Amino acid sequence: MSRSKQLRDLLNSQQLHIAPGVFDGMSAKLVEQAGFSLLYASGGAISRGAGFPDIGLLTMTEMCDRLANIVDATGLPVIADGDTGYGNEVNVKRVMKLYERMGVAGIHIEDQEFPKRCGHLAGKKLIPADEMCIKIKTAKDTLSDPNFLLIARTDAIAVEGFEQALDRADAYLKAGADMIFVEAPETEEQIEAIAKRIPQPKLINMFYGGKTPLVAKEKLAAWGYQIAIIPSDLQRAAIKAMQITLAVIKQQGDSASVAEALVTFKEREVIIGTKNWLDNESW
């Protein structure tokens, strides 16, 4: 079964599915081994993993290089962050062909101007809704896999207001989007209102410390959200763990005093699947 079909089957279950955000092959493997059913390739986390902020600095080909690693590292369906489509509808057409060919199961594209910035940063600017609808139609027409999930994201709440964001969501669904992603609602009431206004499949961004309040997964499911992405928490946890370990190494010269916080050498090799590769070696 293709991963796009796996993703469609998950959505048809009418349950909420949580997709932790990953940024490389190792984090993708950890999500799969933790028992999740899908994962989210976070554009922001990938950009930060390359040493850059999430303000549209990575090129499409740089993003594709990392996505290829993520798709190869796991058998789970991968929802990818497609940013703005990296330009106009012509760029979107190329993005859709590349992502589909790589084995990505779904993508979201957004209505910010290119280059974009993190959805929870100030200073965002939007393209006209009509222009975004052209991108969505182009993306849909480009796809050859009917199961590939096209998600339209709007960042309009912070720029034009809540009602305008919902109007954009309606327009994007009519243009051909399979799922809607209204970014950065600021209250629980807004999260519920989005669900009431939009009966079609919905994705929500849930992460600690952003503009959007955390809502229990049971409540999100009852309101009709199918996917909750957690884009940056794994990377933030990794950053904190590395900072702690580096401070110890700097002071003591080794990490022995924090050994309990580290996976063992053997555990690391099991996670990455070293034995499976060595069992197949022919040299």
C-alpha atoms as a PDB file:
ATOM      1  CA  MET A   1       0.000   0.000   0.000  1.00  0.00           C
ATOM      2  CA  SER A   2       1.331   3.444  -0.910  1.00  0.00           C
ATOM      3  CA  ARG A   3       1.983   5.858   1.905  1.00  0.00           C
ATOM      4  CA  SER A   4      -0.516   8.304   0.448  1.00  0.00           C
ATOM      5  CA  LYS A   5      -3.173   5.555   0.663  1.00  0.00           C
ATOM      6  CA  GLN A   6      -2.095   4.848   4.251  1.00  0.00           C
ATOM      7  CA  LEU A   7      -2.637   8.511   5.054  1.00  0.00           C
ATOM      8  CA  ARG A   8      -6.062   8.568   3.400  1.00  0.00           C
ATOM      9  CA  ASP A   9      -7.071   5.487   5.393  1.00  0.00           C
ATOM     10  CA  LEU A  10      -6.016   7.215   8.612  1.00  0.00           C
ATOM     11  CA  LEU A  11      -8.197  10.199   7.747  1.00  0.00           C
ATOM     12  CA  ASN A  12     -11.140   7.946   6.917  1.00  0.00           C
ATOM     13  CA  SER A  13     -10.966   6.512  10.444  1.00  0.00           C
ATOM     14  CA  GLN A  14     -12.490   9.790  11.700  1.00  0.00           C
ATOM     15  CA  GLN A  15     -10.019   9.957  14.584  1.00  0.00           C
ATOM     16  CA  LEU A  16      -7.434  12.526  15.580  1.00  0.00           C
ATOM     17  CA  HIS A  17      -3.921  11.543  14.535  1.00  0.00           C
ATOM     18  CA  ILE A  18      -0.914  13.283  16.064  1.00  0.00           C
ATOM     19  CA  ALA A  19       2.064  13.911  13.788  1.00  0.00           C
ATOM     20  CA  PRO A  20       5.271  14.870  15.621  1.00  0.00           C
ATOM     21  CA  GLY A  21       7.551  17.186  13.679  1.00  0.00           C
ATOM     22  CA  VAL A  22      10.829  15.719  12.427  1.00  0.00           C
ATOM     23  CA  PHE A  23      13.856  17.281  10.792  1.00  0.00           C
ATOM     24  CA  ASP A  24      16.140  14.385   9.766  1.00  0.00           C
ATOM     25  CA  GLY A  25      16.247  10.620   9.329  1.00  0.00           C
ATOM     26  CA  MET A  26      17.053   9.922  12.991  1.00  0.00           C
ATOM     27  CA  SER A  27      14.097  11.895  14.328  1.00  0.00           C
ATOM     28  CA  ALA A  28      11.855  10.171  11.762  1.00  0.00           C
ATOM     29  CA  LYS A  29      12.986   6.758  12.994  1.00  0.00           C
ATOM     30  CA  LEU A  30      12.345   7.744  16.604  1.00  0.00           C
ATOM     31  CA  VAL A  31       8.778   8.818  15.798  1.00  0.00           C
ATOM     32  CA  GLU A  32       8.085   5.495  14.084  1.00  0.00           C
ATOM     33  CA  GLN A  33       9.630   3.501  16.932  1.00  0.00           C
ATOM     34  CA  ALA A  34       7.525   5.452  19.432  1.00  0.00           C
ATOM     35  CA  GLY A  35       4.391   4.045  17.796  1.00  0.00           C
ATOM     36  CA  PHE A  36       2.980   7.024  15.912  1.00  0.00           C
ATOM     37  CA  SER A  37       1.024   6.430  12.703  1.00  0.00           C
ATOM     38  CA  LEU A  38       2.327   9.395  10.685  1.00  0.00           C
ATOM     39  CA  LEU A  39       4.865  12.187  10.917  1.00  0.00           C
ATOM     40  CA  TYR A  40       5.294  15.786   9.886  1.00  0.00           C
ATOM     41  CA  ALA A  41       8.413  17.029   8.092  1.00  0.00           C
ATOM     42  CA  SER A  42       8.608  20.487   9.629  1.00  0.00           C
ATOM     43  CA  GLY A  43      10.021  23.165   7.358  1.00  0.00           C
ATOM     44  CA  GLY A  44      10.894  25.301  10.355  1.00  0.00           C
ATOM     45  CA  ALA A  45      12.702  22.473  12.150  1.00  0.00           C
ATOM     46  CA  ILE A  46      14.545  21.485   8.960  1.00  0.00           C
ATOM     47  CA  SER A  47      15.630  25.076   8.436  1.00  0.00           C
ATOM     48  CA  ARG A  48      16.838  25.414  12.023  1.00  0.00           C
ATOM     49  CA  GLY A  49      18.597  22.065  11.706  1.00  0.00           C
ATOM     50  CA  ALA A  50      20.581  23.578   8.826  1.00  0.00           C
ATOM     51  CA  GLY A  51      21.504  26.534  11.037  1.00  0.00           C
ATOM     52  CA  PHE A  52      18.981  29.069   9.726  1.00  0.00           C
ATOM     53  CA  PRO A  53      15.826  30.644  11.186  1.00  0.00           C
ATOM     54  CA  ASP A  54      12.401  29.834   9.764  1.00  0.00           C
ATOM     55  CA  ILE A  55      12.122  32.846   7.473  1.00  0.00           C
ATOM     56  CA  GLY A  56      12.254  31.202   4.049  1.00  0.00           C
ATOM     57  CA  LEU A  57      16.039  30.970   3.658  1.00  0.00           C
ATOM     58  CA  LEU A  58      16.273  27.333   2.558  1.00  0.00           C
ATOM     59  CA  THR A  59      15.732  26.635  -1.128  1.00  0.00           C
ATOM     60  CA  MET A  60      13.349  24.035  -2.474  1.00  0.00           C
ATOM     61  CA  THR A  61      16.193  21.720  -3.472  1.00  0.00           C
ATOM     62  CA  GLU A  62      17.741  21.970   0.008  1.00  0.00           C
ATOM     63  CA  MET A  63      14.382  21.034   1.497  1.00  0.00           C
ATOM     64  CA  CYS A  64      14.022  18.131  -0.918  1.00  0.00           C
ATOM     65  CA  ASP A  65      17.425  16.752   0.099  1.00  0.00           C
ATOM     66  CA  ARG A  66      16.329  16.542   3.731  1.00  0.00           C
ATOM     67  CA  LEU A  67      12.868  15.234   2.835  1.00  0.00           C
ATOM     68  CA  ALA A  68      14.441  12.400   0.870  1.00  0.00           C
ATOM     69  CA  ASN A  69      16.359  11.356   4.002  1.00  0.00           C
ATOM     70  CA  ILE A  70      13.182  11.444   6.083  1.00  0.00           C
ATOM     71  CA  VAL A  71      11.109   9.440   3.600  1.00  0.00           C
ATOM     72  CA  ASP A  72      13.869   6.829   3.235  1.00  0.00           C
ATOM     73  CA  ALA A  73      14.272   6.468   7.004  1.00  0.00           C
ATOM     74  CA  THR A  74      10.695   5.492   7.797  1.00  0.00           C
ATOM     75  CA  GLY A  75       7.748   3.562   6.456  1.00  0.00           C
ATOM     76  CA  LEU A  76       5.241   6.040   7.877  1.00  0.00           C
ATOM     77  CA  PRO A  77       3.251   8.501   5.787  1.00  0.00           C
ATOM     78  CA  VAL A  78       5.059  11.844   5.678  1.00  0.00           C
ATOM     79  CA  ILE A  79       3.212  15.157   5.560  1.00  0.00           C
ATOM     80  CA  ALA A  80       5.641  17.763   4.265  1.00  0.00           C
ATOM     81  CA  ASP A  81       5.787  21.496   4.765  1.00  0.00           C
ATOM     82  CA  GLY A  82       5.764  23.044   1.291  1.00  0.00           C
ATOM     83  CA  ASP A  83       6.011  26.645   2.530  1.00  0.00           C
ATOM     84  CA  THR A  84       4.561  28.934  -0.160  1.00  0.00           C
ATOM     85  CA  GLY A  85       5.370  26.531  -2.960  1.00  0.00           C
ATOM     86  CA  TYR A  86       8.621  28.494  -3.350  1.00  0.00           C
ATOM     87  CA  GLY A  87       7.168  31.042  -5.734  1.00  0.00           C
ATOM     88  CA  ASN A  88       4.179  31.312  -8.054  1.00  0.00           C
ATOM     89  CA  GLU A  89       1.993  28.598  -9.552  1.00  0.00           C
ATOM     90  CA  VAL A  90       4.782  27.493 -11.902  1.00  0.00           C
ATOM     91  CA  ASN A  91       7.035  26.815  -8.898  1.00  0.00           C
ATOM     92  CA  VAL A  92       4.154  25.044  -7.173  1.00  0.00           C
ATOM     93  CA  LYS A  93       3.821  22.711 -10.152  1.00  0.00           C
ATOM     94  CA  ARG A  94       7.468  21.683  -9.834  1.00  0.00           C
ATOM     95  CA  VAL A  95       7.178  21.253  -6.056  1.00  0.00           C
ATOM     96  CA  MET A  96       4.209  18.926  -6.400  1.00  0.00           C
ATOM     97  CA  LYS A  97       5.981  16.753  -8.975  1.00  0.00           C
ATOM     98  CA  LEU A  98       9.124  16.484  -6.837  1.00  0.00           C
ATOM     99  CA  TYR A  99       7.363  15.787  -3.554  1.00  0.00           C
ATOM    100  CA  GLU A 100       5.059  13.184  -5.088  1.00  0.00           C
ATOM    101  CA  ARG A 101       7.989  11.451  -6.780  1.00  0.00           C
ATOM    102  CA  MET A 102       9.917  11.307  -3.480  1.00  0.00           C
ATOM    103  CA  GLY A 103       7.122   9.382  -1.799  1.00  0.00           C
ATOM    104  CA  VAL A 104       5.714  12.143   0.386  1.00  0.00           C
ATOM    105  CA  ALA A 105       2.070  11.398   1.279  1.00  0.00           C
ATOM    106  CA  GLY A 106       0.811  14.960   1.628  1.00  0.00           C
ATOM    107  CA  ILE A 107       1.886  18.588   1.568  1.00  0.00           C
ATOM    108  CA  HIS A 108       0.658  21.910   2.858  1.00  0.00           C
ATOM    109  CA  ILE A 109       1.223  25.162   1.032  1.00  0.00           C
ATOM    110  CA  GLU A 110       0.431  28.559   2.498  1.00  0.00           C
ATOM    111  CA  ASP A 111      -0.790  31.985   1.461  1.00  0.00           C
ATOM    112  CA  GLN A 112       2.142  34.048   2.719  1.00  0.00           C
ATOM    113  CA  GLU A 113       4.299  36.098   0.408  1.00  0.00           C
ATOM    114  CA  PHE A 114       7.572  34.447  -0.604  1.00  0.00           C
ATOM    115  CA  PRO A 115       9.873  34.334   1.273  1.00  0.00           C
ATOM    116  CA  LYS A 116       7.642  33.384   4.201  1.00  0.00           C
ATOM    117  CA  ARG A 117       8.264  33.311   7.927  1.00  0.00           C
ATOM    118  CA  CYS A 118       7.260  31.106  10.846  1.00  0.00           C
ATOM    119  CA  GLY A 119       3.497  31.223  11.359  1.00  0.00           C
ATOM    120  CA  HIS A 120       3.939  32.340  14.955  1.00  0.00           C
ATOM    121  CA  LEU A 121       6.268  35.252  14.170  1.00  0.00           C
ATOM    122  CA  ALA A 122       5.091  38.809  13.659  1.00  0.00           C
ATOM    123  CA  GLY A 123       5.322  40.662  10.357  1.00  0.00           C
ATOM    124  CA  LYS A 124       3.721  38.137   7.998  1.00  0.00           C
ATOM    125  CA  LYS A 125       2.388  39.311   4.619  1.00  0.00           C
ATOM    126  CA  LEU A 126      -0.170  37.507   2.461  1.00  0.00           C
ATOM    127  CA  ILE A 127      -0.744  37.077  -1.236  1.00  0.00           C
ATOM    128  CA  PRO A 128      -4.288  37.765  -2.521  1.00  0.00           C
ATOM    129  CA  ALA A 129      -6.741  34.922  -1.954  1.00  0.00           C
ATOM    130  CA  ASP A 130      -7.346  34.625  -5.715  1.00  0.00           C
ATOM    131  CA  GLU A 131      -3.638  34.080  -6.300  1.00  0.00           C
ATOM    132  CA  MET A 132      -3.563  31.367  -3.647  1.00  0.00           C
ATOM    133  CA  CYS A 133      -6.554  29.671  -5.268  1.00  0.00           C
ATOM    134  CA  ILE A 134      -4.609  29.518  -8.544  1.00  0.00           C
ATOM    135  CA  LYS A 135      -1.739  27.826  -6.690  1.00  0.00           C
ATOM    136  CA  ILE A 136      -4.124  25.281  -5.187  1.00  0.00           C
ATOM    137  CA  LYS A 137      -5.770  24.508  -8.525  1.00  0.00           C
ATOM    138  CA  THR A 138      -2.356  24.148 -10.155  1.00  0.00           C
ATOM    139  CA  ALA A 139      -1.156  21.847  -7.382  1.00  0.00           C
ATOM    140  CA  LYS A 140      -4.245  19.659  -7.664  1.00  0.00           C
ATOM    141  CA  ASP A 141      -4.053  19.447 -11.447  1.00  0.00           C
ATOM    142  CA  THR A 142      -0.363  18.494 -11.289  1.00  0.00           C
ATOM    143  CA  LEU A 143      -0.832  15.471  -9.035  1.00  0.00           C
ATOM    144  CA  SER A 144      -1.069  12.017 -10.578  1.00  0.00           C
ATOM    145  CA  ASP A 145      -1.753  10.147  -7.314  1.00  0.00           C
ATOM    146  CA  PRO A 146      -5.418  10.617  -6.310  1.00  0.00           C
ATOM    147  CA  ASN A 147      -4.573   9.758  -2.698  1.00  0.00           C
ATOM    148  CA  PHE A 148      -1.928  12.467  -2.288  1.00  0.00           C
ATOM    149  CA  LEU A 149      -3.224  14.911   0.342  1.00  0.00           C
ATOM    150  CA  LEU A 150      -3.209  18.603  -0.592  1.00  0.00           C
ATOM    151  CA  ILE A 151      -3.510  20.814   2.474  1.00  0.00           C
ATOM    152  CA  ALA A 152      -4.098  24.560   2.155  1.00  0.00           C
ATOM    153  CA  ARG A 153      -2.776  26.707   4.981  1.00  0.00           C
ATOM    154  CA  THR A 154      -3.869  30.255   5.669  1.00  0.00           C
ATOM    155  CA  ASP A 155      -1.933  32.653   7.902  1.00  0.00           C
ATOM    156  CA  ALA A 156      -4.634  35.301   7.686  1.00  0.00           C
ATOM    157  CA  ILE A 157      -5.660  35.492  11.357  1.00  0.00           C
ATOM    158  CA  ALA A 158      -2.658  37.627  12.316  1.00  0.00           C
ATOM    159  CA  VAL A 159      -2.834  39.749   9.144  1.00  0.00           C
ATOM    160  CA  GLU A 160      -6.477  40.203   8.157  1.00  0.00           C
ATOM    161  CA  GLY A 161      -8.439  38.900  11.135  1.00  0.00           C
ATOM    162  CA  PHE A 162     -10.295  35.751  12.121  1.00  0.00           C
ATOM    163  CA  GLU A 163     -13.329  36.049   9.839  1.00  0.00           C
ATOM    164  CA  GLN A 164     -11.169  36.776   6.811  1.00  0.00           C
ATOM    165  CA  ALA A 165      -9.116  33.694   7.608  1.00  0.00           C
ATOM    166  CA  LEU A 166     -12.264  31.579   7.548  1.00  0.00           C
ATOM    167  CA  ASP A 167     -13.329  33.175   4.267  1.00  0.00           C
ATOM    168  CA  ARG A 168      -9.952  32.277   2.793  1.00  0.00           C
ATOM    169  CA  ALA A 169     -10.292  28.723   4.104  1.00  0.00           C
ATOM    170  CA  ASP A 170     -13.651  28.366   2.344  1.00  0.00           C
ATOM    171  CA  ALA A 171     -12.185  29.667  -0.911  1.00  0.00           C
ATOM    172  CA  TYR A 172      -9.207  27.330  -0.744  1.00  0.00           C
ATOM    173  CA  LEU A 173     -11.414  24.306  -0.192  1.00  0.00           C
ATOM    174  CA  LYS A 174     -13.540  25.300  -3.180  1.00  0.00           C
ATOM    175  CA  ALA A 175     -10.349  25.658  -5.229  1.00  0.00           C
ATOM    176  CA  GLY A 176      -9.545  21.984  -4.628  1.00  0.00           C
ATOM    177  CA  ALA A 177      -7.733  21.606  -1.300  1.00  0.00           C
ATOM    178  CA  ASP A 178      -8.397  18.295   0.448  1.00  0.00           C
ATOM    179  CA  MET A 179      -7.800  19.664   3.947  1.00  0.00           C
ATOM    180  CA  ILE A 180      -7.576  23.086   5.561  1.00  0.00           C
ATOM    181  CA  PHE A 181      -4.972  24.382   8.004  1.00  0.00           C
ATOM    182  CA  VAL A 182      -5.840  27.670   9.697  1.00  0.00           C
ATOM    183  CA  GLU A 183      -2.567  28.698  11.297  1.00  0.00           C
ATOM    184  CA  ALA A 184      -2.142  30.327  14.718  1.00  0.00           C
ATOM    185  CA  PRO A 185      -5.633  30.664  16.228  1.00  0.00           C
ATOM    186  CA  GLU A 186      -5.165  32.573  19.466  1.00  0.00           C
ATOM    187  CA  THR A 187      -7.932  31.229  21.719  1.00  0.00           C
ATOM    188  CA  GLU A 188      -9.686  27.952  22.389  1.00  0.00           C
ATOM    189  CA  GLU A 189     -12.878  29.612  21.193  1.00  0.00           C
ATOM    190  CA  GLN A 190     -11.291  30.293  17.813  1.00  0.00           C
ATOM    191  CA  ILE A 191     -10.139  26.689  17.528  1.00  0.00           C
ATOM    192  CA  GLU A 192     -13.682  25.476  18.163  1.00  0.00           C
ATOM    193  CA  ALA A 193     -15.164  28.084  15.805  1.00  0.00           C
ATOM    194  CA  ILE A 194     -12.899  26.926  12.972  1.00  0.00           C
ATOM    195  CA  ALA A 195     -14.157  23.391  13.474  1.00  0.00           C
ATOM    196  CA  LYS A 196     -17.803  24.482  13.469  1.00  0.00           C
ATOM    197  CA  ARG A 197     -17.401  26.621  10.364  1.00  0.00           C
ATOM    198  CA  ILE A 198     -15.417  24.059   8.362  1.00  0.00           C
ATOM    199  CA  PRO A 199     -16.890  20.533   8.177  1.00  0.00           C
ATOM    200  CA  GLN A 200     -14.168  19.377   5.761  1.00  0.00           C
ATOM    201  CA  PRO A 201     -10.967  17.685   7.017  1.00  0.00           C
ATOM    202  CA  LYS A 202      -8.895  19.960   9.250  1.00  0.00           C
ATOM    203  CA  LEU A 203      -5.328  20.110  10.515  1.00  0.00           C
ATOM    204  CA  ILE A 204      -4.213  22.080  13.563  1.00  0.00           C
ATOM    205  CA  ASN A 205      -0.792  23.139  14.808  1.00  0.00           C
ATOM    206  CA  MET A 206      -0.297  22.286  18.505  1.00  0.00           C
ATOM    207  CA  PHE A 207       2.993  23.081  20.172  1.00  0.00           C
ATOM    208  CA  TYR A 208       4.023  24.407  23.548  1.00  0.00           C
ATOM    209  CA  GLY A 209       4.849  28.113  23.698  1.00  0.00           C
ATOM    210  CA  GLY A 210       3.238  29.393  20.498  1.00  0.00           C
ATOM    211  CA  LYS A 211       0.303  31.738  19.921  1.00  0.00           C
ATOM    212  CA  THR A 212      -2.174  28.852  19.940  1.00  0.00           C
ATOM    213  CA  PRO A 213      -3.265  27.492  23.330  1.00  0.00           C
ATOM    214  CA  LEU A 214      -2.810  23.773  23.912  1.00  0.00           C
ATOM    215  CA  VAL A 215      -6.080  21.854  23.731  1.00  0.00           C
ATOM    216  CA  ALA A 216      -6.587  18.264  24.896  1.00  0.00           C
ATOM    217  CA  LYS A 217      -6.498  15.753  22.060  1.00  0.00           C
ATOM    218  CA  GLU A 218      -9.897  14.379  23.108  1.00  0.00           C
ATOM    219  CA  LYS A 219     -11.486  17.807  22.676  1.00  0.00           C
ATOM    220  CA  LEU A 220      -9.823  18.348  19.296  1.00  0.00           C
ATOM    221  CA  ALA A 221     -11.109  14.965  18.142  1.00  0.00           C
ATOM    222  CA  ALA A 222     -14.629  15.764  19.330  1.00  0.00           C
ATOM    223  CA  TRP A 223     -14.539  19.022  17.367  1.00  0.00           C
ATOM    224  CA  GLY A 224     -13.585  17.155  14.203  1.00  0.00           C
ATOM    225  CA  TYR A 225      -9.877  17.764  13.741  1.00  0.00           C
ATOM    226  CA  GLN A 226      -8.177  14.840  11.981  1.00  0.00           C
ATOM    227  CA  ILE A 227      -4.493  15.798  12.292  1.00  0.00           C
ATOM    228  CA  ALA A 228      -2.541  17.690  14.937  1.00  0.00           C
ATOM    229  CA  ILE A 229       1.043  18.497  14.025  1.00  0.00           C
ATOM    230  CA  ILE A 230       3.626  19.137  16.765  1.00  0.00           C
ATOM    231  CA  PRO A 231       6.302  20.781  14.604  1.00  0.00           C
ATOM    232  CA  SER A 232       9.176  21.794  16.849  1.00  0.00           C
ATOM    233  CA  ASP A 233       8.973  20.025  20.210  1.00  0.00           C
ATOM    234  CA  LEU A 234      11.369  17.194  19.314  1.00  0.00           C
ATOM    235  CA  GLN A 235      13.977  19.642  18.087  1.00  0.00           C
ATOM    236  CA  ARG A 236      13.543  21.879  21.126  1.00  0.00           C
ATOM    237  CA  ALA A 237      14.007  18.861  23.392  1.00  0.00           C
ATOM    238  CA  ALA A 238      17.134  17.855  21.478  1.00  0.00           C
ATOM    239  CA  ILE A 239      18.554  21.388  21.728  1.00  0.00           C
ATOM    240  CA  LYS A 240      18.068  21.444  25.507  1.00  0.00           C
ATOM    241  CA  ALA A 241      19.608  17.989  25.941  1.00  0.00           C
ATOM    242  CA  MET A 242      22.633  18.967  23.833  1.00  0.00           C
ATOM    243  CA  GLN A 243      23.114  22.207  25.767  1.00  0.00           C
ATOM    244  CA  ILE A 244      23.118  20.318  29.076  1.00  0.00           C
ATOM    245  CA  THR A 245      25.547  17.689  27.803  1.00  0.00           C
ATOM    246  CA  LEU A 246      27.850  20.269  26.238  1.00  0.00           C
ATOM    247  CA  ALA A 247      28.014  22.229  29.500  1.00  0.00           C
ATOM    248  CA  VAL A 248      29.065  19.062  31.347  1.00  0.00           C
ATOM    249  CA  ILE A 249      31.683  18.170  28.713  1.00  0.00           C
ATOM    250  CA  LYS A 250      33.020  21.726  28.823  1.00  0.00           C
ATOM    251  CA  GLN A 251      33.371  21.610  32.606  1.00  0.00           C
ATOM    252  CA  GLN A 252      34.416  18.001  33.195  1.00  0.00           C
ATOM    253  CA  GLY A 253      35.945  16.849  29.926  1.00  0.00           C
ATOM    254  CA  ASP A 254      33.470  13.997  29.360  1.00  0.00           C
ATOM    255  CA  SER A 255      29.773  13.165  29.748  1.00  0.00           C
ATOM    256  CA  ALA A 256      30.043  10.455  32.411  1.00  0.00           C
ATOM    257  CA  SER A 257      28.079  12.434  35.015  1.00  0.00           C
ATOM    258  CA  VAL A 258      25.039  12.666  32.725  1.00  0.00           C
ATOM    259  CA  ALA A 259      25.330   9.141  31.317  1.00  0.00           C
ATOM    260  CA  GLU A 260      21.836   8.231  32.492  1.00  0.00           C
ATOM    261  CA  ALA A 261      20.432  10.937  30.230  1.00  0.00           C
ATOM    262  CA  LEU A 262      22.165   9.444  27.165  1.00  0.00           C
ATOM    263  CA  VAL A 263      21.193   6.393  25.171  1.00  0.00           C
ATOM    264  CA  THR A 264      23.905   3.765  25.309  1.00  0.00           C
ATOM    265  CA  PHE A 265      26.175   2.945  22.386  1.00  0.00           C
ATOM    266  CA  LYS A 266      24.243  -0.287  21.869  1.00  0.00           C
ATOM    267  CA  GLU A 267      20.842   1.436  22.050  1.00  0.00           C
ATOM    268  CA  ARG A 268      21.925   3.977  19.479  1.00  0.00           C
ATOM    269  CA  GLU A 269      22.954   1.256  17.028  1.00  0.00           C
ATOM    270  CA  VAL A 270      19.629  -0.536  17.506  1.00  0.00           C
ATOM    271  CA  ILE A 271      17.679   2.676  16.846  1.00  0.00           C
ATOM    272  CA  ILE A 272      19.556   3.363  13.628  1.00  0.00           C
ATOM    273  CA  GLY A 273      19.428  -0.273  12.460  1.00  0.00           C
ATOM    274  CA  THR A 274      23.156  -0.949  12.127  1.00  0.00           C
ATOM    275  CA  LYS A 275      22.792  -4.739  12.391  1.00  0.00           C
ATOM    276  CA  ASN A 276      20.269  -4.840   9.545  1.00  0.00           C
ATOM    277  CA  TRP A 277      22.751  -3.101   7.280  1.00  0.00           C
ATOM    278  CA  LEU A 278      25.725  -5.237   8.335  1.00  0.00           C
ATOM    279  CA  ASP A 279      23.742  -8.462   7.846  1.00  0.00           C
ATOM    280  CA  ASN A 280      23.414  -7.526   4.172  1.00  0.00           C
ATOM    281  CA  GLU A 281      27.006  -6.533   3.557  1.00  0.00           C
ATOM    282  CA  SER A 282      28.852  -8.335   0.772  1.00  0.00           C
ATOM    283  CA  TRP A 283      32.375  -7.099   1.488  1.00  0.00           C
END
